[in-house]
């Protein structure tokens, strides 16, 4: 396949991902539109890297240099869109993120490091006890089912007699 066609295919794949994400953003959630630029350009970086890997033996020096320039530009734009997306996300949900960080810091302060092994041991014991109780319940239900089956057989035998 010639070089311009490969570039066109990579560009069409990027555009199709962007259009699908925009459509999902209008129908399902705004977050698809928010992350559209970073995802579509990031996928473009991946497509171009695959193109470079698969066509490295068939392209000339000029095409390889052009590929490197395109990938560097895509990576630069991708990093800018990531920063932009994170900035918008922080501006929209800044209070919630700050509250979560404060809650996490308070939670970390209340944990005593010396008590962690005993807490882990307690949780392991409680899960093993739960498993044992489930096994006992299952054994009891099997016994009850056997008894019910025997009773129904006895009733059938009594009806025949």
C-alpha atoms as a PDB file:
ATOM      1  CA  UNK A   1       0.000   0.000   0.000  1.00  0.00           C
ATOM      2  CA  UNK A   2       1.326   3.418  -0.808  1.00  0.00           C
ATOM      3  CA  UNK A   3       2.288   5.975   1.787  1.00  0.00           C
ATOM      4  CA  UNK A   4      -0.537   8.521   1.196  1.00  0.00           C
ATOM      5  CA  UNK A   5      -3.174   5.787   1.498  1.00  0.00           C
ATOM      6  CA  UNK A   6      -1.771   4.651   4.845  1.00  0.00           C
ATOM      7  CA  UNK A   7      -1.833   8.232   6.117  1.00  0.00           C
ATOM      8  CA  UNK A   8      -5.412   8.588   4.906  1.00  0.00           C
ATOM      9  CA  UNK A   9      -6.464   5.335   6.617  1.00  0.00           C
ATOM     10  CA  UNK A  10      -4.938   6.447   9.937  1.00  0.00           C
ATOM     11  CA  UNK A  11      -6.643   9.824   9.632  1.00  0.00           C
ATOM     12  CA  UNK A  12     -10.001   8.195   8.823  1.00  0.00           C
ATOM     13  CA  UNK A  13      -9.702   5.902  11.853  1.00  0.00           C
ATOM     14  CA  UNK A  14      -9.038   8.914  14.090  1.00  0.00           C
ATOM     15  CA  UNK A  15     -12.019  10.767  12.628  1.00  0.00           C
ATOM     16  CA  UNK A  16     -14.304   7.753  13.017  1.00  0.00           C
ATOM     17  CA  UNK A  17     -13.363   7.391  16.701  1.00  0.00           C
ATOM     18  CA  UNK A  18     -13.989  11.105  17.226  1.00  0.00           C
ATOM     19  CA  UNK A  19     -17.406  10.905  15.540  1.00  0.00           C
ATOM     20  CA  UNK A  20     -18.460   7.836  17.532  1.00  0.00           C
ATOM     21  CA  UNK A  21     -17.427   9.491  20.782  1.00  0.00           C
ATOM     22  CA  UNK A  22     -19.264  12.688  19.846  1.00  0.00           C
ATOM     23  CA  UNK A  23     -22.404  10.689  19.045  1.00  0.00           C
ATOM     24  CA  UNK A  24     -22.139   8.838  22.366  1.00  0.00           C
ATOM     25  CA  UNK A  25     -21.587  12.171  24.091  1.00  0.00           C
ATOM     26  CA  UNK A  26     -24.781  13.623  22.695  1.00  0.00           C
ATOM     27  CA  UNK A  27     -26.839  10.508  23.456  1.00  0.00           C
ATOM     28  CA  UNK A  28     -25.350   9.075  26.668  1.00  0.00           C
ATOM     29  CA  UNK A  29     -22.966  11.298  28.625  1.00  0.00           C
ATOM     30  CA  UNK A  30     -21.115  14.590  28.345  1.00  0.00           C
ATOM     31  CA  UNK A  31     -17.910  12.862  29.490  1.00  0.00           C
ATOM     32  CA  UNK A  32     -17.540  11.271  26.053  1.00  0.00           C
ATOM     33  CA  UNK A  33     -17.370  14.736  24.528  1.00  0.00           C
ATOM     34  CA  UNK A  34     -15.014  15.946  27.258  1.00  0.00           C
ATOM     35  CA  UNK A  35     -12.507  13.162  26.603  1.00  0.00           C
ATOM     36  CA  UNK A  36     -13.051  13.071  22.837  1.00  0.00           C
ATOM     37  CA  UNK A  37      -9.941  15.005  21.824  1.00  0.00           C
ATOM     38  CA  UNK A  38      -7.529  13.137  24.052  1.00  0.00           C
ATOM     39  CA  UNK A  39      -8.891   9.704  23.125  1.00  0.00           C
ATOM     40  CA  UNK A  40      -9.042  10.282  19.372  1.00  0.00           C
ATOM     41  CA  UNK A  41      -5.587  11.873  19.195  1.00  0.00           C
ATOM     42  CA  UNK A  42      -4.164   9.201  21.512  1.00  0.00           C
ATOM     43  CA  UNK A  43      -5.590   6.532  19.214  1.00  0.00           C
ATOM     44  CA  UNK A  44      -4.035   8.403  16.304  1.00  0.00           C
ATOM     45  CA  UNK A  45      -0.649   8.158  18.006  1.00  0.00           C
ATOM     46  CA  UNK A  46      -1.162   4.416  18.416  1.00  0.00           C
ATOM     47  CA  UNK A  47      -2.268   4.015  14.769  1.00  0.00           C
ATOM     48  CA  UNK A  48       0.749   5.925  13.487  1.00  0.00           C
ATOM     49  CA  UNK A  49       3.112   3.935  15.698  1.00  0.00           C
ATOM     50  CA  UNK A  50       1.648   0.693  14.327  1.00  0.00           C
ATOM     51  CA  UNK A  51       1.991   2.105  10.821  1.00  0.00           C
ATOM     52  CA  UNK A  52       5.642   2.900  11.472  1.00  0.00           C
ATOM     53  CA  UNK A  53       6.299  -0.569  12.894  1.00  0.00           C
ATOM     54  CA  UNK A  54       4.622  -2.419  10.018  1.00  0.00           C
ATOM     55  CA  UNK A  55       6.017  -0.288   7.185  1.00  0.00           C
ATOM     56  CA  UNK A  56       9.550   0.379   8.432  1.00  0.00           C
ATOM     57  CA  UNK A  57      11.082  -1.981   5.846  1.00  0.00           C
ATOM     58  CA  UNK A  58       9.048  -0.686   2.889  1.00  0.00           C
ATOM     59  CA  UNK A  59       9.348   3.080   3.282  1.00  0.00           C
ATOM     60  CA  UNK A  60      12.154   5.345   2.307  1.00  0.00           C
ATOM     61  CA  UNK A  61      14.132   7.692   4.511  1.00  0.00           C
ATOM     62  CA  UNK A  62      11.950  10.724   3.741  1.00  0.00           C
ATOM     63  CA  UNK A  63       8.743   8.885   4.680  1.00  0.00           C
ATOM     64  CA  UNK A  64      10.311   7.658   7.913  1.00  0.00           C
ATOM     65  CA  UNK A  65      11.360  11.187   8.853  1.00  0.00           C
ATOM     66  CA  UNK A  66       7.897  12.468   7.956  1.00  0.00           C
ATOM     67  CA  UNK A  67       6.350   9.727  10.125  1.00  0.00           C
ATOM     68  CA  UNK A  68       8.522  10.740  13.061  1.00  0.00           C
ATOM     69  CA  UNK A  69       7.543  14.389  12.640  1.00  0.00           C
ATOM     70  CA  UNK A  70       3.847  13.454  12.475  1.00  0.00           C
ATOM     71  CA  UNK A  71       4.113  11.241  15.566  1.00  0.00           C
ATOM     72  CA  UNK A  72       5.958  13.956  17.504  1.00  0.00           C
ATOM     73  CA  UNK A  73       3.274  16.493  16.577  1.00  0.00           C
ATOM     74  CA  UNK A  74       0.525  14.058  17.542  1.00  0.00           C
ATOM     75  CA  UNK A  75       2.183  13.313  20.882  1.00  0.00           C
ATOM     76  CA  UNK A  76       2.578  17.039  21.583  1.00  0.00           C
ATOM     77  CA  UNK A  77      -1.062  17.752  20.731  1.00  0.00           C
ATOM     78  CA  UNK A  78      -2.146  14.693  22.740  1.00  0.00           C
ATOM     79  CA  UNK A  79      -0.290  15.941  25.836  1.00  0.00           C
ATOM     80  CA  UNK A  80      -1.871  19.385  25.434  1.00  0.00           C
ATOM     81  CA  UNK A  81      -5.347  17.836  25.145  1.00  0.00           C
ATOM     82  CA  UNK A  82      -4.698  15.699  28.221  1.00  0.00           C
ATOM     83  CA  UNK A  83      -3.735  18.783  30.216  1.00  0.00           C
ATOM     84  CA  UNK A  84      -6.800  20.604  28.886  1.00  0.00           C
ATOM     85  CA  UNK A  85      -9.098  17.700  29.749  1.00  0.00           C
ATOM     86  CA  UNK A  86      -7.694  17.380  33.250  1.00  0.00           C
ATOM     87  CA  UNK A  87      -7.988  21.137  33.758  1.00  0.00           C
ATOM     88  CA  UNK A  88     -11.637  21.136  32.701  1.00  0.00           C
ATOM     89  CA  UNK A  89     -12.320  18.103  34.897  1.00  0.00           C
ATOM     90  CA  UNK A  90     -10.715  19.775  37.918  1.00  0.00           C
ATOM     91  CA  UNK A  91     -12.556  23.038  37.287  1.00  0.00           C
ATOM     92  CA  UNK A  92     -15.913  21.250  37.050  1.00  0.00           C
ATOM     93  CA  UNK A  93     -15.417  18.775  39.895  1.00  0.00           C
ATOM     94  CA  UNK A  94     -12.828  20.608  41.982  1.00  0.00           C
ATOM     95  CA  UNK A  95     -14.827  20.722  45.205  1.00  0.00           C
ATOM     96  CA  UNK A  96     -15.705  17.053  44.991  1.00  0.00           C
ATOM     97  CA  UNK A  97     -12.089  16.077  44.296  1.00  0.00           C
ATOM     98  CA  UNK A  98     -10.888  18.282  47.171  1.00  0.00           C
ATOM     99  CA  UNK A  99     -13.456  16.724  49.510  1.00  0.00           C
ATOM    100  CA  UNK A 100     -12.365  13.226  48.511  1.00  0.00           C
ATOM    101  CA  UNK A 101      -8.706  14.061  49.113  1.00  0.00           C
ATOM    102  CA  UNK A 102      -9.477  15.559  52.540  1.00  0.00           C
ATOM    103  CA  UNK A 103     -11.598  12.515  53.458  1.00  0.00           C
ATOM    104  CA  UNK A 104      -8.795  10.179  52.354  1.00  0.00           C
ATOM    105  CA  UNK A 105      -6.222  12.130  54.377  1.00  0.00           C
ATOM    106  CA  UNK A 106      -8.418  11.957  57.494  1.00  0.00           C
ATOM    107  CA  UNK A 107      -8.971   8.253  56.960  1.00  0.00           C
ATOM    108  CA  UNK A 108      -5.232   7.648  56.650  1.00  0.00           C
ATOM    109  CA  UNK A 109      -4.554   9.605  59.855  1.00  0.00           C
ATOM    110  CA  UNK A 110      -7.006   7.465  61.840  1.00  0.00           C
ATOM    111  CA  UNK A 111      -5.381   4.175  60.839  1.00  0.00           C
ATOM    112  CA  UNK A 112      -2.934   2.802  63.361  1.00  0.00           C
ATOM    113  CA  UNK A 113      -0.149   0.926  61.662  1.00  0.00           C
ATOM    114  CA  UNK A 114       0.327  -1.520  64.529  1.00  0.00           C
ATOM    115  CA  UNK A 115      -3.281  -2.679  64.314  1.00  0.00           C
ATOM    116  CA  UNK A 116      -3.236  -3.462  60.579  1.00  0.00           C
ATOM    117  CA  UNK A 117      -2.010  -7.101  60.895  1.00  0.00           C
ATOM    118  CA  UNK A 118      -4.654  -7.906  63.504  1.00  0.00           C
ATOM    119  CA  UNK A 119      -7.366  -6.307  61.330  1.00  0.00           C
ATOM    120  CA  UNK A 120      -6.254  -8.397  58.367  1.00  0.00           C
ATOM    121  CA  UNK A 121      -6.281 -11.548  60.488  1.00  0.00           C
ATOM    122  CA  UNK A 122      -9.796 -10.732  61.742  1.00  0.00           C
ATOM    123  CA  UNK A 123     -11.085 -10.220  58.216  1.00  0.00           C
ATOM    124  CA  UNK A 124      -9.549 -13.480  57.027  1.00  0.00           C
ATOM    125  CA  UNK A 125     -11.090 -15.350  59.951  1.00  0.00           C
ATOM    126  CA  UNK A 126     -14.488 -13.775  59.370  1.00  0.00           C
ATOM    127  CA  UNK A 127     -14.452 -14.733  55.686  1.00  0.00           C
ATOM    128  CA  UNK A 128     -13.426 -18.298  56.507  1.00  0.00           C
ATOM    129  CA  UNK A 129     -16.205 -18.485  59.123  1.00  0.00           C
ATOM    130  CA  UNK A 130     -18.687 -17.220  56.544  1.00  0.00           C
ATOM    131  CA  UNK A 131     -17.522 -19.884  54.105  1.00  0.00           C
ATOM    132  CA  UNK A 132     -17.924 -22.566  56.787  1.00  0.00           C
ATOM    133  CA  UNK A 133     -21.423 -21.353  57.615  1.00  0.00           C
ATOM    134  CA  UNK A 134     -22.343 -21.463  53.910  1.00  0.00           C
ATOM    135  CA  UNK A 135     -21.029 -25.016  53.728  1.00  0.00           C
ATOM    136  CA  UNK A 136     -23.106 -25.998  56.761  1.00  0.00           C
ATOM    137  CA  UNK A 137     -26.189 -24.402  55.227  1.00  0.00           C
ATOM    138  CA  UNK A 138     -25.562 -26.268  51.989  1.00  0.00           C
ATOM    139  CA  UNK A 139     -25.170 -29.580  53.856  1.00  0.00           C
ATOM    140  CA  UNK A 140     -28.411 -28.943  55.721  1.00  0.00           C
ATOM    141  CA  UNK A 141     -30.287 -28.117  52.532  1.00  0.00           C
ATOM    142  CA  UNK A 142     -28.978 -31.303  50.917  1.00  0.00           C
ATOM    143  CA  UNK A 143     -30.204 -33.336  53.905  1.00  0.00           C
ATOM    144  CA  UNK A 144     -33.602 -31.635  53.778  1.00  0.00           C
ATOM    145  CA  UNK A 145     -33.863 -32.282  50.051  1.00  0.00           C
ATOM    146  CA  UNK A 146     -33.038 -35.965  50.590  1.00  0.00           C
ATOM    147  CA  UNK A 147     -35.693 -36.229  53.297  1.00  0.00           C
ATOM    148  CA  UNK A 148     -38.286 -34.535  51.110  1.00  0.00           C
ATOM    149  CA  UNK A 149     -37.393 -36.848  48.245  1.00  0.00           C
ATOM    150  CA  UNK A 150     -37.746 -39.913  50.464  1.00  0.00           C
ATOM    151  CA  UNK A 151     -41.097 -38.684  51.783  1.00  0.00           C
ATOM    152  CA  UNK A 152     -42.423 -38.121  48.279  1.00  0.00           C
ATOM    153  CA  UNK A 153     -41.307 -41.633  47.276  1.00  0.00           C
ATOM    154  CA  UNK A 154     -43.024 -43.085  50.353  1.00  0.00           C
ATOM    155  CA  UNK A 155     -46.246 -41.245  49.466  1.00  0.00           C
ATOM    156  CA  UNK A 156     -46.144 -42.636  45.939  1.00  0.00           C
ATOM    157  CA  UNK A 157     -45.613 -46.144  47.314  1.00  0.00           C
ATOM    158  CA  UNK A 158     -48.490 -45.710  49.766  1.00  0.00           C
ATOM    159  CA  UNK A 159     -50.793 -44.522  46.975  1.00  0.00           C
ATOM    160  CA  UNK A 160     -50.002 -47.612  44.909  1.00  0.00           C
ATOM    161  CA  UNK A 161     -50.766 -49.965  47.773  1.00  0.00           C
END
